[in-house]
Amino acid sequence: MSGKKEVYMQKLNQAMAVLNRVAEDNTTPRNIRRTAKQANDMLLDESLSPAARAANAIDLLDQISQDPNMPMYTRTRIWNAISVLEGIRD
């Protein structure tokens, strides 16, 4: 069980690193940076299971990934974070 939790924590950290990069990128529109920060904060919420945190963040990121103002490289990073988070299950 702890091996699975360790893998999930690595995935959460990997996704958070990607989201931090998006949140700190000044070439990305402010609303997208703000949403990346919110998703990152959701991943840090230890009151929820890793799978619940991932699901909440995926929902938020999925909505923002439809934004037509998002630069393509930022969209690719968001999709990358989503694909990492989709591997986290209860």
Protein backbone atom coordinates (compact mmCIF):
# COMPACT_ATOMS: atom_id res chain seq x y z
CA MET A 1 0.00 0.00 0.00
CA SER A 2 2.73 2.48 0.91
CA GLY A 3 4.45 1.81 -2.44
CA LYS A 4 1.31 2.92 -4.26
CA LYS A 5 1.04 6.02 -2.08
CA GLU A 6 4.68 6.87 -2.81
CA VAL A 7 4.05 6.60 -6.57
CA TYR A 8 0.96 8.82 -6.24
CA MET A 9 2.93 11.42 -4.29
CA GLN A 10 5.60 11.43 -7.03
CA LYS A 11 2.86 11.97 -9.63
CA LEU A 12 1.33 14.80 -7.59
CA ASN A 13 4.75 16.44 -7.27
CA GLN A 14 5.39 16.04 -11.01
CA ALA A 15 2.04 17.67 -11.85
CA MET A 16 2.66 20.46 -9.32
CA ALA A 17 6.04 21.22 -10.94
CA VAL A 18 4.33 21.58 -14.33
CA LEU A 19 1.56 23.77 -12.87
CA ASN A 20 4.10 25.96 -11.07
CA ARG A 21 5.86 26.52 -14.39
CA VAL A 22 2.56 27.61 -15.96
CA ALA A 23 1.63 29.81 -12.97
CA GLU A 24 4.99 31.62 -13.09
CA ASP A 25 5.09 32.10 -16.88
CA ASN A 26 4.44 35.79 -17.58
CA THR A 27 3.70 35.07 -21.26
CA THR A 28 0.60 33.10 -20.21
CA PRO A 29 -2.67 35.03 -19.68
CA ARG A 30 -3.35 35.90 -16.03
CA ASN A 31 -6.60 33.91 -15.75
CA ILE A 32 -4.78 30.75 -16.88
CA ARG A 33 -1.91 31.36 -14.45
CA ARG A 34 -4.45 31.88 -11.65
CA THR A 35 -6.24 28.62 -12.52
CA ALA A 36 -2.93 26.71 -12.61
CA LYS A 37 -2.19 28.08 -9.12
CA GLN A 38 -5.67 27.03 -7.90
CA ALA A 39 -5.18 23.52 -9.29
CA ASN A 40 -1.77 23.38 -7.61
CA ASP A 41 -3.35 24.42 -4.30
CA MET A 42 -5.96 21.65 -4.69
CA LEU A 43 -3.16 19.11 -5.07
CA LEU A 44 -1.69 20.29 -1.75
CA ASP A 45 -4.99 19.78 0.17
CA GLU A 46 -4.10 16.90 2.48
CA SER A 47 -7.66 16.66 3.85
CA LEU A 48 -8.53 14.76 0.64
CA SER A 49 -7.19 11.49 -0.75
CA PRO A 50 -4.62 11.78 -3.57
CA ALA A 51 -7.25 10.55 -6.06
CA ALA A 52 -9.79 13.18 -4.94
CA ARG A 53 -7.16 15.92 -5.17
CA ALA A 54 -6.21 14.75 -8.66
CA ALA A 55 -9.85 14.58 -9.79
CA ASN A 56 -10.55 18.12 -8.56
CA ALA A 57 -7.45 19.49 -10.28
CA ILE A 58 -8.22 17.62 -13.51
CA ASP A 59 -11.73 19.11 -13.57
CA LEU A 60 -10.36 22.63 -13.19
CA LEU A 61 -7.56 22.11 -15.73
CA ASP A 62 -9.90 20.49 -18.24
CA GLN A 63 -12.14 23.58 -18.16
CA ILE A 64 -9.26 26.02 -18.63
CA SER A 65 -7.62 23.94 -21.39
CA GLN A 66 -10.52 24.99 -23.67
CA ASP A 67 -9.51 28.67 -23.39
CA PRO A 68 -8.84 30.00 -26.93
CA ASN A 69 -6.35 32.57 -25.56
CA MET A 70 -4.06 29.90 -24.16
CA PRO A 71 -0.70 29.62 -25.95
CA MET A 72 -0.17 26.17 -27.48
CA TYR A 73 2.91 25.41 -25.34
CA THR A 74 0.89 26.19 -22.19
CA ARG A 75 -1.96 23.96 -23.36
CA THR A 76 0.57 21.16 -23.90
CA ARG A 77 1.85 21.61 -20.33
CA ILE A 78 -1.71 21.56 -18.96
CA TRP A 79 -2.44 18.34 -20.90
CA ASN A 80 0.80 16.89 -19.56
CA ALA A 81 -0.28 17.65 -15.98
CA ILE A 82 -3.74 16.14 -16.64
CA SER A 83 -2.26 12.94 -18.06
CA VAL A 84 0.02 12.54 -15.02
CA LEU A 85 -2.91 13.12 -12.64
CA GLU A 86 -5.16 10.64 -14.47
CA GLY A 87 -2.86 7.86 -13.26
CA ILE A 88 -3.91 8.48 -9.64
CA ARG A 89 -6.79 6.26 -8.48
CA ASP A 90 -8.23 5.20 -5.10
